[in-house]
C-alpha atoms as a PDB file:
ATOM      1  CA  MET A   1     197.278  52.287 119.317  1.00  0.00           C
ATOM      2  CA  THR A   2     194.955  55.110 117.734  1.00  0.00           C
ATOM      3  CA  THR A   3     192.266  54.177 115.633  1.00  0.00           C
ATOM      4  CA  SER A   4     190.043  56.606 113.632  1.00  0.00           C
ATOM      5  CA  ILE A   5     186.925  55.480 111.532  1.00  0.00           C
ATOM      6  CA  ARG A   6     185.787  57.603 108.685  1.00  0.00           C
ATOM      7  CA  SER A   7     183.621  57.385 105.577  1.00  0.00           C
ATOM      8  CA  ALA A   8     185.634  55.792 102.785  1.00  0.00           C
ATOM      9  CA  ARG A   9     187.127  57.719  99.944  1.00  0.00           C
ATOM     10  CA  PRO A  10     187.494  56.638  96.361  1.00  0.00           C
ATOM     11  CA  SER A  11     191.182  56.538  97.074  1.00  0.00           C
ATOM     12  CA  ASP A  12     190.524  53.677  99.796  1.00  0.00           C
ATOM     13  CA  ALA A  13     189.062  51.495  97.027  1.00  0.00           C
ATOM     14  CA  ASP A  14     192.277  49.302  96.379  1.00  0.00           C
ATOM     15  CA  ALA A  15     192.933  48.821 100.120  1.00  0.00           C
ATOM     16  CA  VAL A  16     189.425  47.794 100.669  1.00  0.00           C
ATOM     17  CA  GLU A  17     189.675  45.198  98.031  1.00  0.00           C
ATOM     18  CA  ARG A  18     193.076  44.003  99.117  1.00  0.00           C
ATOM     19  CA  ILE A  19     191.973  43.685 102.956  1.00  0.00           C
ATOM     20  CA  GLU A  20     189.145  41.710 102.077  1.00  0.00           C
ATOM     21  CA  ASN A  21     191.185  39.378 100.117  1.00  0.00           C
ATOM     22  CA  ASP A  22     193.745  38.913 102.869  1.00  0.00           C
ATOM     23  CA  ALA A  23     191.196  38.533 105.266  1.00  0.00           C
ATOM     24  CA  ASP A  24     189.344  35.901 103.300  1.00  0.00           C
ATOM     25  CA  LEU A  25     192.591  33.797 103.166  1.00  0.00           C
ATOM     26  CA  LEU A  26     192.169  33.393 106.853  1.00  0.00           C
ATOM     27  CA  LEU A  27     188.285  32.154 106.178  1.00  0.00           C
ATOM     28  CA  VAL A  28     189.139  29.965 103.297  1.00  0.00           C
ATOM     29  CA  ASP A  29     192.190  28.166 105.330  1.00  0.00           C
ATOM     30  CA  ARG A  30     189.471  27.683 108.546  1.00  0.00           C
ATOM     31  CA  LEU A  31     186.524  26.144 106.246  1.00  0.00           C
ATOM     32  CA  ARG A  32     189.102  24.396 103.679  1.00  0.00           C
ATOM     33  CA  ALA A  33     187.401  25.802 100.950  1.00  0.00           C
ATOM     34  CA  ASP A  34     188.252  24.578  97.470  1.00  0.00           C
ATOM     35  CA  VAL A  35     186.727  27.667  95.693  1.00  0.00           C
ATOM     36  CA  TRP A  36     186.394  31.269  96.829  1.00  0.00           C
ATOM     37  CA  ALA A  37     185.511  34.333  94.763  1.00  0.00           C
ATOM     38  CA  PRO A  38     187.720  37.352  94.920  1.00  0.00           C
ATOM     39  CA  ALA A  39     186.354  40.402  96.683  1.00  0.00           C
ATOM     40  CA  PRO A  40     184.671  42.748  94.403  1.00  0.00           C
ATOM     41  CA  HIS A  41     186.832  46.030  93.856  1.00  0.00           C
ATOM     42  CA  GLY A  42     186.431  48.697  96.443  1.00  0.00           C
ATOM     43  CA  GLU A  43     185.120  51.104  93.508  1.00  0.00           C
ATOM     44  CA  ALA A  44     182.192  48.632  93.222  1.00  0.00           C
ATOM     45  CA  ARG A  45     181.391  48.609  97.199  1.00  0.00           C
ATOM     46  CA  LEU A  46     181.598  52.532  96.968  1.00  0.00           C
ATOM     47  CA  ALA A  47     178.889  52.683  94.007  1.00  0.00           C
ATOM     48  CA  GLU A  48     176.523  50.114  95.791  1.00  0.00           C
ATOM     49  CA  PRO A  49     173.563  51.978  97.796  1.00  0.00           C
ATOM     50  CA  GLY A  50     174.664  52.347 101.368  1.00  0.00           C
ATOM     51  CA  PHE A  51     177.672  53.241 103.372  1.00  0.00           C
ATOM     52  CA  LEU A  52     181.252  52.187 103.550  1.00  0.00           C
ATOM     53  CA  LEU A  53     183.554  52.919 106.631  1.00  0.00           C
ATOM     54  CA  VAL A  54     187.210  52.452 106.850  1.00  0.00           C
ATOM     55  CA  ALA A  55     189.529  52.341 110.005  1.00  0.00           C
ATOM     56  CA  GLU A  56     192.929  53.717 110.179  1.00  0.00           C
ATOM     57  CA  VAL A  57     195.566  52.644 112.752  1.00  0.00           C
ATOM     58  CA  ASP A  58     198.166  55.253 113.436  1.00  0.00           C
ATOM     59  CA  GLY A  59     201.581  53.595 113.026  1.00  0.00           C
ATOM     60  CA  GLU A  60     200.503  50.324 112.186  1.00  0.00           C
ATOM     61  CA  VAL A  61     200.163  50.222 108.375  1.00  0.00           C
ATOM     62  CA  ASP A  62     201.726  53.596 107.352  1.00  0.00           C
ATOM     63  CA  GLY A  63     198.355  55.452 107.761  1.00  0.00           C
ATOM     64  CA  GLU A  64     196.622  52.970 105.446  1.00  0.00           C
ATOM     65  CA  VAL A  65     193.088  51.445 105.800  1.00  0.00           C
ATOM     66  CA  ALA A  66     193.447  48.841 108.351  1.00  0.00           C
ATOM     67  CA  GLY A  67     189.646  47.461 107.999  1.00  0.00           C
ATOM     68  CA  PHE A  68     186.357  48.395 106.690  1.00  0.00           C
ATOM     69  CA  ALA A  69     182.640  47.671 107.151  1.00  0.00           C
ATOM     70  CA  HIS A  70     180.349  48.005 104.179  1.00  0.00           C
ATOM     71  CA  VAL A  71     176.738  48.260 104.806  1.00  0.00           C
ATOM     72  CA  LEU A  72     173.905  48.203 102.146  1.00  0.00           C
ATOM     73  CA  GLU A  73     170.628  50.057 102.420  1.00  0.00           C
ATOM     74  CA  VAL A  74     167.975  48.012 100.189  1.00  0.00           C
ATOM     75  CA  ASP A  75     164.473  48.077 100.241  1.00  0.00           C
ATOM     76  CA  GLY A  76     164.544  49.691 103.513  1.00  0.00           C
ATOM     77  CA  VAL A  77     166.665  47.019 104.969  1.00  0.00           C
ATOM     78  CA  CYS A  78     170.319  48.010 106.633  1.00  0.00           C
ATOM     79  CA  HIS A  79     172.549  45.277 106.262  1.00  0.00           C
ATOM     80  CA  LEU A  80     176.255  44.789 107.336  1.00  0.00           C
ATOM     81  CA  GLU A  81     177.338  43.314 103.885  1.00  0.00           C
ATOM     82  CA  GLN A  82     181.007  43.067 104.614  1.00  0.00           C
ATOM     83  CA  LEU A  83     183.165  43.372 107.695  1.00  0.00           C
ATOM     84  CA  SER A  84     187.070  42.933 107.053  1.00  0.00           C
ATOM     85  CA  VAL A  85     190.049  43.706 109.247  1.00  0.00           C
ATOM     86  CA  HIS A  86     193.749  43.108 107.957  1.00  0.00           C
ATOM     87  CA  PRO A  87     194.978  39.873 109.291  1.00  0.00           C
ATOM     88  CA  LEU A  88     198.092  41.436 111.036  1.00  0.00           C
ATOM     89  CA  LEU A  89     195.700  43.716 112.857  1.00  0.00           C
ATOM     90  CA  SER A  90     193.335  41.413 114.278  1.00  0.00           C
ATOM     91  CA  ARG A  91     192.324  40.877 117.562  1.00  0.00           C
ATOM     92  CA  ARG A  92     193.024  44.344 118.403  1.00  0.00           C
ATOM     93  CA  GLY A  93     189.112  45.604 118.736  1.00  0.00           C
ATOM     94  CA  LEU A  94     188.987  47.103 115.171  1.00  0.00           C
ATOM     95  CA  GLY A  95     186.109  45.001 113.871  1.00  0.00           C
ATOM     96  CA  ARG A  96     184.110  45.495 117.052  1.00  0.00           C
ATOM     97  CA  ALA A  97     184.926  49.378 116.521  1.00  0.00           C
ATOM     98  CA  LEU A  98     183.865  49.160 112.801  1.00  0.00           C
ATOM     99  CA  VAL A  99     180.590  47.237 113.570  1.00  0.00           C
ATOM    100  CA  GLU A 100     179.731  49.843 116.476  1.00  0.00           C
ATOM    101  CA  ALA A 101     180.324  52.753 113.999  1.00  0.00           C
ATOM    102  CA  ALA A 102     178.159  50.804 111.338  1.00  0.00           C
ATOM    103  CA  LYS A 103     175.377  50.439 114.064  1.00  0.00           C
ATOM    104  CA  ASP A 104     175.802  54.135 114.676  1.00  0.00           C
ATOM    105  CA  GLY A 105     175.642  55.099 111.053  1.00  0.00           C
ATOM    106  CA  ALA A 106     172.572  52.972 110.370  1.00  0.00           C
ATOM    107  CA  ARG A 107     170.918  54.421 113.411  1.00  0.00           C
ATOM    108  CA  GLU A 108     171.681  57.945 112.547  1.00  0.00           C
ATOM    109  CA  ARG A 109     169.870  57.228 108.939  1.00  0.00           C
ATOM    110  CA  GLY A 110     166.743  56.019 110.738  1.00  0.00           C
ATOM    111  CA  TYR A 111     166.894  52.150 110.976  1.00  0.00           C
ATOM    112  CA  ALA A 112     165.718  50.442 113.947  1.00  0.00           C
ATOM    113  CA  ARG A 113     167.890  47.401 113.271  1.00  0.00           C
ATOM    114  CA  ILE A 114     170.938  46.123 111.178  1.00  0.00           C
ATOM    115  CA  SER A 115     171.125  42.481 109.551  1.00  0.00           C
ATOM    116  CA  LEU A 116     173.929  40.424 108.586  1.00  0.00           C
ATOM    117  CA  ARG A 117     174.450  36.808 107.146  1.00  0.00           C
ATOM    118  CA  THR A 118     177.609  34.636 108.289  1.00  0.00           C
ATOM    119  CA  TYR A 119     179.017  31.457 109.187  1.00  0.00           C
ATOM    120  CA  ALA A 120     177.476  29.928 112.517  1.00  0.00           C
ATOM    121  CA  ASP A 121     180.539  27.949 113.606  1.00  0.00           C
ATOM    122  CA  VAL A 122     183.616  30.359 112.564  1.00  0.00           C
ATOM    123  CA  PRO A 123     184.848  32.223 115.725  1.00  0.00           C
ATOM    124  CA  TRP A 124     185.170  35.583 114.070  1.00  0.00           C
ATOM    125  CA  ASN A 125     181.801  35.062 112.390  1.00  0.00           C
ATOM    126  CA  ALA A 126     178.412  34.548 114.428  1.00  0.00           C
ATOM    127  CA  PRO A 127     180.133  33.992 117.755  1.00  0.00           C
ATOM    128  CA  PHE A 128     181.835  37.449 117.404  1.00  0.00           C
ATOM    129  CA  TYR A 129     178.708  39.016 116.059  1.00  0.00           C
ATOM    130  CA  ALA A 130     176.756  37.906 119.235  1.00  0.00           C
ATOM    131  CA  THR A 131     179.087  39.756 121.404  1.00  0.00           C
ATOM    132  CA  VAL A 132     178.049  42.731 119.763  1.00  0.00           C
ATOM    133  CA  GLY A 133     174.467  42.511 119.883  1.00  0.00           C
ATOM    134  CA  PHE A 134     173.314  40.236 117.043  1.00  0.00           C
ATOM    135  CA  LEU A 135     171.052  37.375 117.526  1.00  0.00           C
ATOM    136  CA  GLU A 136     170.049  34.697 115.125  1.00  0.00           C
ATOM    137  CA  GLU A 137     166.825  35.176 113.139  1.00  0.00           C
ATOM    138  CA  GLU A 138     164.934  33.643 110.165  1.00  0.00           C
ATOM    139  CA  PRO A 139     165.080  35.716 106.783  1.00  0.00           C
ATOM    140  CA  THR A 140     161.561  37.362 106.316  1.00  0.00           C
ATOM    141  CA  THR A 141     162.223  40.009 103.598  1.00  0.00           C
ATOM    142  CA  SER A 142     162.871  39.674  99.827  1.00  0.00           C
ATOM    143  CA  PHE A 143     166.184  41.252 100.120  1.00  0.00           C
ATOM    144  CA  HIS A 144     167.180  38.284 102.620  1.00  0.00           C
ATOM    145  CA  GLY A 145     165.600  35.769 100.305  1.00  0.00           C
ATOM    146  CA  SER A 146     167.848  37.202  97.437  1.00  0.00           C
ATOM    147  CA  LEU A 147     170.971  36.663  99.599  1.00  0.00           C
ATOM    148  CA  LEU A 148     170.004  32.939 100.218  1.00  0.00           C
ATOM    149  CA  GLU A 149     169.744  32.746  96.640  1.00  0.00           C
ATOM    150  CA  VAL A 150     173.055  34.117  96.006  1.00  0.00           C
ATOM    151  CA  GLU A 151     174.758  31.926  98.741  1.00  0.00           C
ATOM    152  CA  ALA A 152     173.178  29.020  97.143  1.00  0.00           C
ATOM    153  CA  GLN A 153     174.531  30.005  93.512  1.00  0.00           C
ATOM    154  CA  HIS A 154     177.986  30.346  95.085  1.00  0.00           C
ATOM    155  CA  GLY A 155     177.731  27.082  97.494  1.00  0.00           C
ATOM    156  CA  LEU A 156     178.430  28.943 100.336  1.00  0.00           C
ATOM    157  CA  ASP A 157     176.447  26.137 102.686  1.00  0.00           C
ATOM    158  CA  ARG A 158     178.778  23.396 101.783  1.00  0.00           C
ATOM    159  CA  TYR A 159     181.373  24.894 103.979  1.00  0.00           C
ATOM    160  CA  GLY A 160     179.149  25.258 107.111  1.00  0.00           C
ATOM    161  CA  ARG A 161     175.958  26.491 108.588  1.00  0.00           C
ATOM    162  CA  ARG A 162     174.875  29.812 107.237  1.00  0.00           C
ATOM    163  CA  VAL A 163     172.689  32.214 109.553  1.00  0.00           C
ATOM    164  CA  GLN A 164     171.079  35.511 109.300  1.00  0.00           C
ATOM    165  CA  MET A 165     171.406  37.796 112.253  1.00  0.00           C
ATOM    166  CA  SER A 166     170.433  40.961 113.321  1.00  0.00           C
ATOM    167  CA  ALA A 167     171.107  43.465 116.138  1.00  0.00           C
ATOM    168  CA  PRO A 168     168.597  46.247 117.353  1.00  0.00           C
ATOM    169  CA  LEU A 169     169.568  49.734 117.103  1.00  0.00           C
ATOM    170  CA  GLY A 170     167.133  51.459 119.373  1.00  0.00           C
ATOM    171  CA  ASP A 171     165.226  54.481 118.521  1.00  0.00           C
ATOM    172  CA  PRO A 172     166.550  55.956 115.519  1.00  0.00           C
ATOM    173  CA  ARG A 173     168.130  59.606 116.194  1.00  0.00           C
ATOM    174  CA  PRO A 174     165.871  62.603 115.273  1.00  0.00           C
END
């Protein structure tokens, strides 16, 4: 399996949305969620400040996008907003490769750390992120506070404990 990761293009927008919706079905089932918002369109993700990376896997989904990492850059914060992998391609290292590429991209942009918010007890959420260097932390910025407000508006905490995590990126590249 040959994987390549690159910056998303406008032509990837539909695939990004489809992958997130398909991957969310696994989470909805795991959490027994009665309400779950559909994924934003990929064009909306591409328009946000930050960067969007996609993974392609040769021979698996006809050269189409197999997963993505969406990283926001807001108020001096670098935040992994979303990581999704096509469910048929899970547990093959794509998520790990995308997270490492997102961390590299953040480091190249001068960030010393990257944050995320996720469910504490879903195996492919906080326990997975811990294996790629993320540790739990308390929200301290206004940006992270705004994420707590959005989560509360959507009632995400009714499905399990939410946590903020971050990973140090080392010294930014010159």
